Amino acid sequence: GIKETEAVPEHVTVEPLLETSDKSFAR
């Protein structure tokens, strides 16, 4: 998985491309 950091640095915008469902989990 990939996630945004708690504090995104200044001048940076994170754009999602592909996303799993809220029923997914990481083992």
mmCIF file of all heavy atoms, coordinates in Angstrom:
data_MODEL
# 
_entry.id   MODEL 
# 
loop_
_atom_site.group_PDB 
_atom_site.id 
_atom_site.type_symbol 
_atom_site.label_atom_id 
_atom_site.label_alt_id 
_atom_site.label_comp_id 
_atom_site.label_asym_id 
_atom_site.label_entity_id 
_atom_site.label_seq_id 
_atom_site.pdbx_PDB_ins_code 
_atom_site.Cartn_x 
_atom_site.Cartn_y 
_atom_site.Cartn_z 
_atom_site.occupancy 
_atom_site.B_iso_or_equiv 
_atom_site.pdbx_formal_charge 
_atom_site.auth_seq_id 
_atom_site.auth_comp_id 
_atom_site.auth_asym_id 
_atom_site.auth_atom_id 
_atom_site.pdbx_PDB_model_num 
ATOM 1   N N   . GLY A 1 1  ? 0.805   -1.213  0.000   1.00 0.00 ? 1  GLY A N   1 
ATOM 2   C CA  . GLY A 1 1  ? 0.000   0.000   0.000   1.00 0.00 ? 1  GLY A CA  1 
ATOM 3   C C   . GLY A 1 1  ? 0.839   1.263   0.000   1.00 0.00 ? 1  GLY A C   1 
ATOM 4   O O   . GLY A 1 1  ? 2.013   1.255   0.389   1.00 0.00 ? 1  GLY A O   1 
ATOM 5   N N   . ILE A 1 2  ? 0.241   2.338   -0.459  1.00 0.00 ? 2  ILE A N   1 
ATOM 6   C CA  . ILE A 1 2  ? 0.831   3.678   -0.404  1.00 0.00 ? 2  ILE A CA  1 
ATOM 7   C C   . ILE A 1 2  ? -0.173  4.582   0.305   1.00 0.00 ? 2  ILE A C   1 
ATOM 8   O O   . ILE A 1 2  ? -1.388  4.458   0.111   1.00 0.00 ? 2  ILE A O   1 
ATOM 9   C CB  . ILE A 1 2  ? 1.100   4.230   -1.819  1.00 0.00 ? 2  ILE A CB  1 
ATOM 10  C CG1 . ILE A 1 2  ? 2.071   3.341   -2.590  1.00 0.00 ? 2  ILE A CG1 1 
ATOM 11  C CG2 . ILE A 1 2  ? 1.638   5.665   -1.755  1.00 0.00 ? 2  ILE A CG2 1 
ATOM 12  C CD1 . ILE A 1 2  ? 2.190   3.701   -4.064  1.00 0.00 ? 2  ILE A CD1 1 
ATOM 13  N N   . LYS A 1 3  ? 0.317   5.481   1.133   1.00 0.00 ? 3  LYS A N   1 
ATOM 14  C CA  . LYS A 1 3  ? -0.569  6.467   1.744   1.00 0.00 ? 3  LYS A CA  1 
ATOM 15  C C   . LYS A 1 3  ? 0.145   7.810   1.840   1.00 0.00 ? 3  LYS A C   1 
ATOM 16  O O   . LYS A 1 3  ? 1.382   7.887   1.740   1.00 0.00 ? 3  LYS A O   1 
ATOM 17  C CB  . LYS A 1 3  ? -1.023  6.013   3.133   1.00 0.00 ? 3  LYS A CB  1 
ATOM 18  C CG  . LYS A 1 3  ? 0.088   5.905   4.164   1.00 0.00 ? 3  LYS A CG  1 
ATOM 19  C CD  . LYS A 1 3  ? -0.471  5.476   5.514   1.00 0.00 ? 3  LYS A CD  1 
ATOM 20  C CE  . LYS A 1 3  ? 0.641   5.402   6.564   1.00 0.00 ? 3  LYS A CE  1 
ATOM 21  N NZ  . LYS A 1 3  ? 0.113   4.990   7.895   1.00 0.00 ? 3  LYS A NZ  1 
ATOM 22  N N   . GLU A 1 4  ? -0.648  8.849   2.001   1.00 0.00 ? 4  GLU A N   1 
ATOM 23  C CA  . GLU A 1 4  ? -0.055  10.172  2.190   1.00 0.00 ? 4  GLU A CA  1 
ATOM 24  C C   . GLU A 1 4  ? 0.558   10.263  3.586   1.00 0.00 ? 4  GLU A C   1 
ATOM 25  O O   . GLU A 1 4  ? 0.080   9.651   4.541   1.00 0.00 ? 4  GLU A O   1 
ATOM 26  C CB  . GLU A 1 4  ? -1.112  11.266  2.030   1.00 0.00 ? 4  GLU A CB  1 
ATOM 27  C CG  . GLU A 1 4  ? -1.592  11.485  0.615   1.00 0.00 ? 4  GLU A CG  1 
ATOM 28  C CD  . GLU A 1 4  ? -2.466  12.717  0.495   1.00 0.00 ? 4  GLU A CD  1 
ATOM 29  O OE1 . GLU A 1 4  ? -2.298  13.641  1.323   1.00 0.00 ? 4  GLU A OE1 1 
ATOM 30  O OE2 . GLU A 1 4  ? -3.321  12.760  -0.406  1.00 0.00 ? 4  GLU A OE2 1 
ATOM 31  N N   . THR A 1 5  ? 1.626   11.038  3.686   1.00 0.00 ? 5  THR A N   1 
ATOM 32  C CA  . THR A 1 5  ? 2.212   11.303  5.000   1.00 0.00 ? 5  THR A CA  1 
ATOM 33  C C   . THR A 1 5  ? 1.267   12.209  5.793   1.00 0.00 ? 5  THR A C   1 
ATOM 34  O O   . THR A 1 5  ? 0.404   12.891  5.222   1.00 0.00 ? 5  THR A O   1 
ATOM 35  C CB  . THR A 1 5  ? 3.584   11.994  4.847   1.00 0.00 ? 5  THR A CB  1 
ATOM 36  O OG1 . THR A 1 5  ? 3.423   13.175  4.053   1.00 0.00 ? 5  THR A OG1 1 
ATOM 37  C CG2 . THR A 1 5  ? 4.583   11.068  4.167   1.00 0.00 ? 5  THR A CG2 1 
ATOM 38  N N   . GLU A 1 6  ? 1.424   12.193  7.086   1.00 0.00 ? 6  GLU A N   1 
ATOM 39  C CA  . GLU A 1 6  ? 0.537   12.996  7.931   1.00 0.00 ? 6  GLU A CA  1 
ATOM 40  C C   . GLU A 1 6  ? 0.622   14.476  7.582   1.00 0.00 ? 6  GLU A C   1 
ATOM 41  O O   . GLU A 1 6  ? -0.378  15.193  7.604   1.00 0.00 ? 6  GLU A O   1 
ATOM 42  C CB  . GLU A 1 6  ? 0.892   12.783  9.411   1.00 0.00 ? 6  GLU A CB  1 
ATOM 43  C CG  . GLU A 1 6  ? 0.512   11.400  9.916   1.00 0.00 ? 6  GLU A CG  1 
ATOM 44  C CD  . GLU A 1 6  ? 0.725   11.271  11.414  1.00 0.00 ? 6  GLU A CD  1 
ATOM 45  O OE1 . GLU A 1 6  ? 1.064   12.294  12.063  1.00 0.00 ? 6  GLU A OE1 1 
ATOM 46  O OE2 . GLU A 1 6  ? 0.551   10.155  11.944  1.00 0.00 ? 6  GLU A OE2 1 
ATOM 47  N N   . ALA A 1 7  ? 1.821   14.927  7.270   1.00 0.00 ? 7  ALA A N   1 
ATOM 48  C CA  . ALA A 1 7  ? 1.995   16.328  6.874   1.00 0.00 ? 7  ALA A CA  1 
ATOM 49  C C   . ALA A 1 7  ? 2.644   16.359  5.490   1.00 0.00 ? 7  ALA A C   1 
ATOM 50  O O   . ALA A 1 7  ? 3.823   16.025  5.339   1.00 0.00 ? 7  ALA A O   1 
ATOM 51  C CB  . ALA A 1 7  ? 2.881   17.061  7.884   1.00 0.00 ? 7  ALA A CB  1 
ATOM 52  N N   . VAL A 1 8  ? 1.847   16.725  4.495   1.00 0.00 ? 8  VAL A N   1 
ATOM 53  C CA  . VAL A 1 8  ? 2.377   16.823  3.134   1.00 0.00 ? 8  VAL A CA  1 
ATOM 54  C C   . VAL A 1 8  ? 3.193   18.100  3.023   1.00 0.00 ? 8  VAL A C   1 
ATOM 55  O O   . VAL A 1 8  ? 2.723   19.184  3.418   1.00 0.00 ? 8  VAL A O   1 
ATOM 56  C CB  . VAL A 1 8  ? 1.234   16.823  2.101   1.00 0.00 ? 8  VAL A CB  1 
ATOM 57  C CG1 . VAL A 1 8  ? 1.773   17.029  0.689   1.00 0.00 ? 8  VAL A CG1 1 
ATOM 58  C CG2 . VAL A 1 8  ? 0.445   15.529  2.184   1.00 0.00 ? 8  VAL A CG2 1 
ATOM 59  N N   . PRO A 1 9  ? 4.441   18.005  2.520   1.00 0.00 ? 9  PRO A N   1 
ATOM 60  C CA  . PRO A 1 9  ? 5.307   19.188  2.443   1.00 0.00 ? 9  PRO A CA  1 
ATOM 61  C C   . PRO A 1 9  ? 4.698   20.325  1.628   1.00 0.00 ? 9  PRO A C   1 
ATOM 62  O O   . PRO A 1 9  ? 3.835   20.123  0.775   1.00 0.00 ? 9  PRO A O   1 
ATOM 63  C CB  . PRO A 1 9  ? 6.574   18.645  1.771   1.00 0.00 ? 9  PRO A CB  1 
ATOM 64  C CG  . PRO A 1 9  ? 6.565   17.182  2.065   1.00 0.00 ? 9  PRO A CG  1 
ATOM 65  C CD  . PRO A 1 9  ? 5.122   16.785  2.078   1.00 0.00 ? 9  PRO A CD  1 
ATOM 66  N N   . GLU A 1 10 ? 5.165   21.525  1.901   1.00 0.00 ? 10 GLU A N   1 
ATOM 67  C CA  . GLU A 1 10 ? 4.704   22.708  1.185   1.00 0.00 ? 10 GLU A CA  1 
ATOM 68  C C   . GLU A 1 10 ? 5.061   22.596  -0.296  1.00 0.00 ? 10 GLU A C   1 
ATOM 69  O O   . GLU A 1 10 ? 6.088   22.021  -0.658  1.00 0.00 ? 10 GLU A O   1 
ATOM 70  C CB  . GLU A 1 10 ? 5.346   23.963  1.799   1.00 0.00 ? 10 GLU A CB  1 
ATOM 71  C CG  . GLU A 1 10 ? 4.780   25.262  1.273   1.00 0.00 ? 10 GLU A CG  1 
ATOM 72  C CD  . GLU A 1 10 ? 5.432   26.471  1.937   1.00 0.00 ? 10 GLU A CD  1 
ATOM 73  O OE1 . GLU A 1 10 ? 6.380   26.267  2.725   1.00 0.00 ? 10 GLU A OE1 1 
ATOM 74  O OE2 . GLU A 1 10 ? 4.986   27.599  1.657   1.00 0.00 ? 10 GLU A OE2 1 
ATOM 75  N N   . HIS A 1 11 ? 4.211   23.113  -1.147  1.00 0.00 ? 11 HIS A N   1 
ATOM 76  C CA  . HIS A 1 11 ? 4.379   23.114  -2.611  1.00 0.00 ? 11 HIS A CA  1 
ATOM 77  C C   . HIS A 1 11 ? 4.187   21.729  -3.226  1.00 0.00 ? 11 HIS A C   1 
ATOM 78  O O   . HIS A 1 11 ? 4.494   21.523  -4.406  1.00 0.00 ? 11 HIS A O   1 
ATOM 79  C CB  . HIS A 1 11 ? 5.754   23.657  -3.028  1.00 0.00 ? 11 HIS A CB  1 
ATOM 80  C CG  . HIS A 1 11 ? 6.045   25.026  -2.508  1.00 0.00 ? 11 HIS A CG  1 
ATOM 81  N ND1 . HIS A 1 11 ? 5.253   26.114  -2.796  1.00 0.00 ? 11 HIS A ND1 1 
ATOM 82  C CD2 . HIS A 1 11 ? 7.064   25.472  -1.700  1.00 0.00 ? 11 HIS A CD2 1 
ATOM 83  C CE1 . HIS A 1 11 ? 5.758   27.195  -2.207  1.00 0.00 ? 11 HIS A CE1 1 
ATOM 84  N NE2 . HIS A 1 11 ? 6.849   26.831  -1.531  1.00 0.00 ? 11 HIS A NE2 1 
ATOM 85  N N   . VAL A 1 12 ? 3.709   20.758  -2.454  1.00 0.00 ? 12 VAL A N   1 
ATOM 86  C CA  . VAL A 1 12 ? 3.521   19.390  -2.961  1.00 0.00 ? 12 VAL A CA  1 
ATOM 87  C C   . VAL A 1 12 ? 2.032   19.038  -2.933  1.00 0.00 ? 12 VAL A C   1 
ATOM 88  O O   . VAL A 1 12 ? 1.346   19.297  -1.933  1.00 0.00 ? 12 VAL A O   1 
ATOM 89  C CB  . VAL A 1 12 ? 4.320   18.357  -2.129  1.00 0.00 ? 12 VAL A CB  1 
ATOM 90  C CG1 . VAL A 1 12 ? 3.948   16.932  -2.545  1.00 0.00 ? 12 VAL A CG1 1 
ATOM 91  C CG2 . VAL A 1 12 ? 5.816   18.584  -2.306  1.00 0.00 ? 12 VAL A CG2 1 
ATOM 92  N N   . THR A 1 13 ? 1.562   18.435  -4.002  1.00 0.00 ? 13 THR A N   1 
ATOM 93  C CA  . THR A 1 13 ? 0.182   17.937  -4.077  1.00 0.00 ? 13 THR A CA  1 
ATOM 94  C C   . THR A 1 13 ? 0.230   16.467  -4.463  1.00 0.00 ? 13 THR A C   1 
ATOM 95  O O   . THR A 1 13 ? 0.829   16.117  -5.488  1.00 0.00 ? 13 THR A O   1 
ATOM 96  C CB  . THR A 1 13 ? -0.642  18.706  -5.124  1.00 0.00 ? 13 THR A CB  1 
ATOM 97  O OG1 . THR A 1 13 ? -0.618  20.101  -4.803  1.00 0.00 ? 13 THR A OG1 1 
ATOM 98  C CG2 . THR A 1 13 ? -2.077  18.202  -5.154  1.00 0.00 ? 13 THR A CG2 1 
ATOM 99  N N   . VAL A 1 14 ? -0.380  15.608  -3.667  1.00 0.00 ? 14 VAL A N   1 
ATOM 100 C CA  . VAL A 1 14 ? -0.416  14.173  -3.958  1.00 0.00 ? 14 VAL A CA  1 
ATOM 101 C C   . VAL A 1 14 ? -1.714  13.854  -4.694  1.00 0.00 ? 14 VAL A C   1 
ATOM 102 O O   . VAL A 1 14 ? -2.810  14.177  -4.219  1.00 0.00 ? 14 VAL A O   1 
ATOM 103 C CB  . VAL A 1 14 ? -0.312  13.332  -2.666  1.00 0.00 ? 14 VAL A CB  1 
ATOM 104 C CG1 . VAL A 1 14 ? -0.407  11.838  -2.999  1.00 0.00 ? 14 VAL A CG1 1 
ATOM 105 C CG2 . VAL A 1 14 ? 1.009   13.629  -1.947  1.00 0.00 ? 14 VAL A CG2 1 
ATOM 106 N N   . GLU A 1 15 ? -1.566  13.215  -5.851  1.00 0.00 ? 15 GLU A N   1 
ATOM 107 C CA  . GLU A 1 15 ? -2.719  12.883  -6.693  1.00 0.00 ? 15 GLU A CA  1 
ATOM 108 C C   . GLU A 1 15 ? -2.908  11.366  -6.733  1.00 0.00 ? 15 GLU A C   1 
ATOM 109 O O   . GLU A 1 15 ? -2.013  10.646  -7.172  1.00 0.00 ? 15 GLU A O   1 
ATOM 110 C CB  . GLU A 1 15 ? -2.497  13.411  -8.119  1.00 0.00 ? 15 GLU A CB  1 
ATOM 111 C CG  . GLU A 1 15 ? -2.272  14.911  -8.181  1.00 0.00 ? 15 GLU A CG  1 
ATOM 112 C CD  . GLU A 1 15 ? -1.776  15.368  -9.548  1.00 0.00 ? 15 GLU A CD  1 
ATOM 113 O OE1 . GLU A 1 15 ? -1.300  14.520  -10.332 1.00 0.00 ? 15 GLU A OE1 1 
ATOM 114 O OE2 . GLU A 1 15 ? -1.862  16.581  -9.821  1.00 0.00 ? 15 GLU A OE2 1 
ATOM 115 N N   . PRO A 1 16 ? -4.058  10.848  -6.269  1.00 0.00 ? 16 PRO A N   1 
ATOM 116 C CA  . PRO A 1 16 ? -4.288  9.403   -6.298  1.00 0.00 ? 16 PRO A CA  1 
ATOM 117 C C   . PRO A 1 16 ? -4.514  8.903   -7.721  1.00 0.00 ? 16 PRO A C   1 
ATOM 118 O O   . PRO A 1 16 ? -5.172  9.569   -8.525  1.00 0.00 ? 16 PRO A O   1 
ATOM 119 C CB  . PRO A 1 16 ? -5.547  9.228   -5.448  1.00 0.00 ? 16 PRO A CB  1 
ATOM 120 C CG  . PRO A 1 16 ? -6.249  10.541  -5.532  1.00 0.00 ? 16 PRO A CG  1 
ATOM 121 C CD  . PRO A 1 16 ? -5.179  11.587  -5.656  1.00 0.00 ? 16 PRO A CD  1 
ATOM 122 N N   . LEU A 1 17 ? -3.975  7.724   -8.033  1.00 0.00 ? 17 LEU A N   1 
ATOM 123 C CA  . LEU A 1 17 ? -4.140  7.110   -9.355  1.00 0.00 ? 17 LEU A CA  1 
ATOM 124 C C   . LEU A 1 17 ? -4.925  5.811   -9.273  1.00 0.00 ? 17 LEU A C   1 
ATOM 125 O O   . LEU A 1 17 ? -5.858  5.590   -10.048 1.00 0.00 ? 17 LEU A O   1 
ATOM 126 C CB  . LEU A 1 17 ? -2.766  6.842   -9.984  1.00 0.00 ? 17 LEU A CB  1 
ATOM 127 C CG  . LEU A 1 17 ? -1.866  8.063   -10.203 1.00 0.00 ? 17 LEU A CG  1 
ATOM 128 C CD1 . LEU A 1 17 ? -0.502  7.609   -10.729 1.00 0.00 ? 17 LEU A CD1 1 
ATOM 129 C CD2 . LEU A 1 17 ? -2.503  9.038   -11.174 1.00 0.00 ? 17 LEU A CD2 1 
ATOM 130 N N   . LEU A 1 18 ? -4.547  4.941   -8.328  1.00 0.00 ? 18 LEU A N   1 
ATOM 131 C CA  . LEU A 1 18 ? -5.193  3.633   -8.161  1.00 0.00 ? 18 LEU A CA  1 
ATOM 132 C C   . LEU A 1 18 ? -5.468  3.431   -6.686  1.00 0.00 ? 18 LEU A C   1 
ATOM 133 O O   . LEU A 1 18 ? -4.606  3.712   -5.844  1.00 0.00 ? 18 LEU A O   1 
ATOM 134 C CB  . LEU A 1 18 ? -4.287  2.511   -8.689  1.00 0.00 ? 18 LEU A CB  1 
ATOM 135 C CG  . LEU A 1 18 ? -3.751  2.651   -10.115 1.00 0.00 ? 18 LEU A CG  1 
ATOM 136 C CD1 . LEU A 1 18 ? -2.709  1.567   -10.401 1.00 0.00 ? 18 LEU A CD1 1 
ATOM 137 C CD2 . LEU A 1 18 ? -4.882  2.576   -11.125 1.00 0.00 ? 18 LEU A CD2 1 
ATOM 138 N N   . GLU A 1 19 ? -6.653  2.888   -6.350  1.00 0.00 ? 19 GLU A N   1 
ATOM 139 C CA  . GLU A 1 19 ? -7.021  2.772   -4.945  1.00 0.00 ? 19 GLU A CA  1 
ATOM 140 C C   . GLU A 1 19 ? -7.786  1.472   -4.699  1.00 0.00 ? 19 GLU A C   1 
ATOM 141 O O   . GLU A 1 19 ? -8.592  1.045   -5.529  1.00 0.00 ? 19 GLU A O   1 
ATOM 142 C CB  . GLU A 1 19 ? -7.891  3.966   -4.543  1.00 0.00 ? 19 GLU A CB  1 
ATOM 143 C CG  . GLU A 1 19 ? -8.190  4.038   -3.055  1.00 0.00 ? 19 GLU A CG  1 
ATOM 144 C CD  . GLU A 1 19 ? -9.026  5.262   -2.713  1.00 0.00 ? 19 GLU A CD  1 
ATOM 145 O OE1 . GLU A 1 19 ? -10.037 5.514   -3.406  1.00 0.00 ? 19 GLU A OE1 1 
ATOM 146 O OE2 . GLU A 1 19 ? -8.670  5.974   -1.765  1.00 0.00 ? 19 GLU A OE2 1 
ATOM 147 N N   . THR A 1 20 ? -7.524  0.858   -3.546  1.00 0.00 ? 20 THR A N   1 
ATOM 148 C CA  . THR A 1 20 ? -8.263  -0.337  -3.142  1.00 0.00 ? 20 THR A CA  1 
ATOM 149 C C   . THR A 1 20 ? -9.533  0.088   -2.392  1.00 0.00 ? 20 THR A C   1 
ATOM 150 O O   . THR A 1 20 ? -9.745  1.267   -2.111  1.00 0.00 ? 20 THR A O   1 
ATOM 151 C CB  . THR A 1 20 ? -7.407  -1.236  -2.243  1.00 0.00 ? 20 THR A CB  1 
ATOM 152 O OG1 . THR A 1 20 ? -7.116  -0.529  -1.018  1.00 0.00 ? 20 THR A OG1 1 
ATOM 153 C CG2 . THR A 1 20 ? -6.101  -1.608  -2.926  1.00 0.00 ? 20 THR A CG2 1 
ATOM 154 N N   . SER A 1 21 ? -10.355 -0.891  -2.047  1.00 0.00 ? 21 SER A N   1 
ATOM 155 C CA  . SER A 1 21 ? -11.595 -0.576  -1.336  1.00 0.00 ? 21 SER A CA  1 
ATOM 156 C C   . SER A 1 21 ? -11.329 -0.415  0.157   1.00 0.00 ? 21 SER A C   1 
ATOM 157 O O   . SER A 1 21 ? -10.254 -0.752  0.660   1.00 0.00 ? 21 SER A O   1 
ATOM 158 C CB  . SER A 1 21 ? -12.617 -1.690  -1.559  1.00 0.00 ? 21 SER A CB  1 
ATOM 159 O OG  . SER A 1 21 ? -12.291 -2.814  -0.765  1.00 0.00 ? 21 SER A OG  1 
ATOM 160 N N   . ASP A 1 22 ? -12.343 0.067   0.881   1.00 0.00 ? 22 ASP A N   1 
ATOM 161 C CA  . ASP A 1 22 ? -12.192 0.192   2.340   1.00 0.00 ? 22 ASP A CA  1 
ATOM 162 C C   . ASP A 1 22 ? -12.309 -1.162  3.031   1.00 0.00 ? 22 ASP A C   1 
ATOM 163 O O   . ASP A 1 22 ? -12.179 -1.259  4.255   1.00 0.00 ? 22 ASP A O   1 
ATOM 164 C CB  . ASP A 1 22 ? -13.217 1.180   2.900   1.00 0.00 ? 22 ASP A CB  1 
ATOM 165 C CG  . ASP A 1 22 ? -14.647 0.804   2.544   1.00 0.00 ? 22 ASP A CG  1 
ATOM 166 O OD1 . ASP A 1 22 ? -14.843 -0.275  1.922   1.00 0.00 ? 22 ASP A OD1 1 
ATOM 167 O OD2 . ASP A 1 22 ? -15.556 1.580   2.873   1.00 0.00 ? 22 ASP A OD2 1 
ATOM 168 N N   . LYS A 1 23 ? -12.543 -2.232  2.246   1.00 0.00 ? 23 LYS A N   1 
ATOM 169 C CA  . LYS A 1 23 ? -12.574 -3.590  2.800   1.00 0.00 ? 23 LYS A CA  1 
ATOM 170 C C   . LYS A 1 23 ? -11.224 -4.297  2.665   1.00 0.00 ? 23 LYS A C   1 
ATOM 171 O O   . LYS A 1 23 ? -11.093 -5.457  3.047   1.00 0.00 ? 23 LYS A O   1 
ATOM 172 C CB  . LYS A 1 23 ? -13.641 -4.420  2.094   1.00 0.00 ? 23 LYS A CB  1 
ATOM 173 C CG  . LYS A 1 23 ? -15.061 -3.914  2.312   1.00 0.00 ? 23 LYS A CG  1 
ATOM 174 C CD  . LYS A 1 23 ? -16.065 -4.797  1.587   1.00 0.00 ? 23 LYS A CD  1 
ATOM 175 C CE  . LYS A 1 23 ? -17.491 -4.307  1.798   1.00 0.00 ? 23 LYS A CE  1 
ATOM 176 N NZ  . LYS A 1 23 ? -18.471 -5.164  1.074   1.00 0.00 ? 23 LYS A NZ  1 
ATOM 177 N N   . SER A 1 24 ? -10.229 -3.606  2.136   1.00 0.00 ? 24 SER A N   1 
ATOM 178 C CA  . SER A 1 24 ? -8.913  -4.219  1.962   1.00 0.00 ? 24 SER A CA  1 
ATOM 179 C C   . SER A 1 24 ? -8.098  -4.090  3.246   1.00 0.00 ? 24 SER A C   1 
ATOM 180 O O   . SER A 1 24 ? -8.405  -3.287  4.127   1.00 0.00 ? 24 SER A O   1 
ATOM 181 C CB  . SER A 1 24 ? -8.171  -3.543  0.808   1.00 0.00 ? 24 SER A CB  1 
ATOM 182 O OG  . SER A 1 24 ? -7.973  -2.162  1.074   1.00 0.00 ? 24 SER A OG  1 
ATOM 183 N N   . PHE A 1 25 ? -7.045  -4.896  3.336   1.00 0.00 ? 25 PHE A N   1 
ATOM 184 C CA  . PHE A 1 25 ? -6.131  -4.824  4.482   1.00 0.00 ? 25 PHE A CA  1 
ATOM 185 C C   . PHE A 1 25 ? -4.745  -5.267  4.039   1.00 0.00 ? 25 PHE A C   1 
ATOM 186 O O   . PHE A 1 25 ? -4.574  -5.877  2.976   1.00 0.00 ? 25 PHE A O   1 
ATOM 187 C CB  . PHE A 1 25 ? -6.631  -5.679  5.655   1.00 0.00 ? 25 PHE A CB  1 
ATOM 188 C CG  . PHE A 1 25 ? -6.722  -7.146  5.348   1.00 0.00 ? 25 PHE A CG  1 
ATOM 189 C CD1 . PHE A 1 25 ? -5.652  -8.002  5.628   1.00 0.00 ? 25 PHE A CD1 1 
ATOM 190 C CD2 . PHE A 1 25 ? -7.883  -7.704  4.807   1.00 0.00 ? 25 PHE A CD2 1 
ATOM 191 C CE1 . PHE A 1 25 ? -5.741  -9.369  5.355   1.00 0.00 ? 25 PHE A CE1 1 
ATOM 192 C CE2 . PHE A 1 25 ? -7.972  -9.060  4.538   1.00 0.00 ? 25 PHE A CE2 1 
ATOM 193 C CZ  . PHE A 1 25 ? -6.898  -9.893  4.805   1.00 0.00 ? 25 PHE A CZ  1 
ATOM 194 N N   . ALA A 1 26 ? -3.735  -4.938  4.843   1.00 0.00 ? 26 ALA A N   1 
ATOM 195 C CA  . ALA A 1 26 ? -2.349  -5.280  4.530   1.00 0.00 ? 26 ALA A CA  1 
ATOM 196 C C   . ALA A 1 26 ? -1.850  -6.315  5.527   1.00 0.00 ? 26 ALA A C   1 
ATOM 197 O O   . ALA A 1 26 ? -1.881  -6.079  6.738   1.00 0.00 ? 26 ALA A O   1 
ATOM 198 C CB  . ALA A 1 26 ? -1.470  -4.036  4.570   1.00 0.00 ? 26 ALA A CB  1 
ATOM 199 N N   . ARG A 1 27 ? -1.408  -7.463  5.018   1.00 0.00 ? 27 ARG A N   1 
ATOM 200 C CA  . ARG A 1 27 ? -0.920  -8.556  5.875   1.00 0.00 ? 27 ARG A CA  1 
ATOM 201 C C   . ARG A 1 27 ? 0.607   -8.582  5.856   1.00 0.00 ? 27 ARG A C   1 
ATOM 202 O O   . ARG A 1 27 ? 1.233   -8.769  4.811   1.00 0.00 ? 27 ARG A O   1 
ATOM 203 C CB  . ARG A 1 27 ? -1.487  -9.885  5.376   1.00 0.00 ? 27 ARG A CB  1 
ATOM 204 C CG  . ARG A 1 27 ? -0.901  -11.137 6.028   1.00 0.00 ? 27 ARG A CG  1 
ATOM 205 C CD  . ARG A 1 27 ? -1.162  -11.208 7.530   1.00 0.00 ? 27 ARG A CD  1 
ATOM 206 N NE  . ARG A 1 27 ? -2.562  -11.092 7.874   1.00 0.00 ? 27 ARG A NE  1 
ATOM 207 C CZ  . ARG A 1 27 ? -3.389  -12.143 7.963   1.00 0.00 ? 27 ARG A CZ  1 
ATOM 208 N NH1 . ARG A 1 27 ? -2.948  -13.362 7.717   1.00 0.00 ? 27 ARG A NH1 1 
ATOM 209 N NH2 . ARG A 1 27 ? -4.644  -11.956 8.308   1.00 0.00 ? 27 ARG A NH2 1 
# 
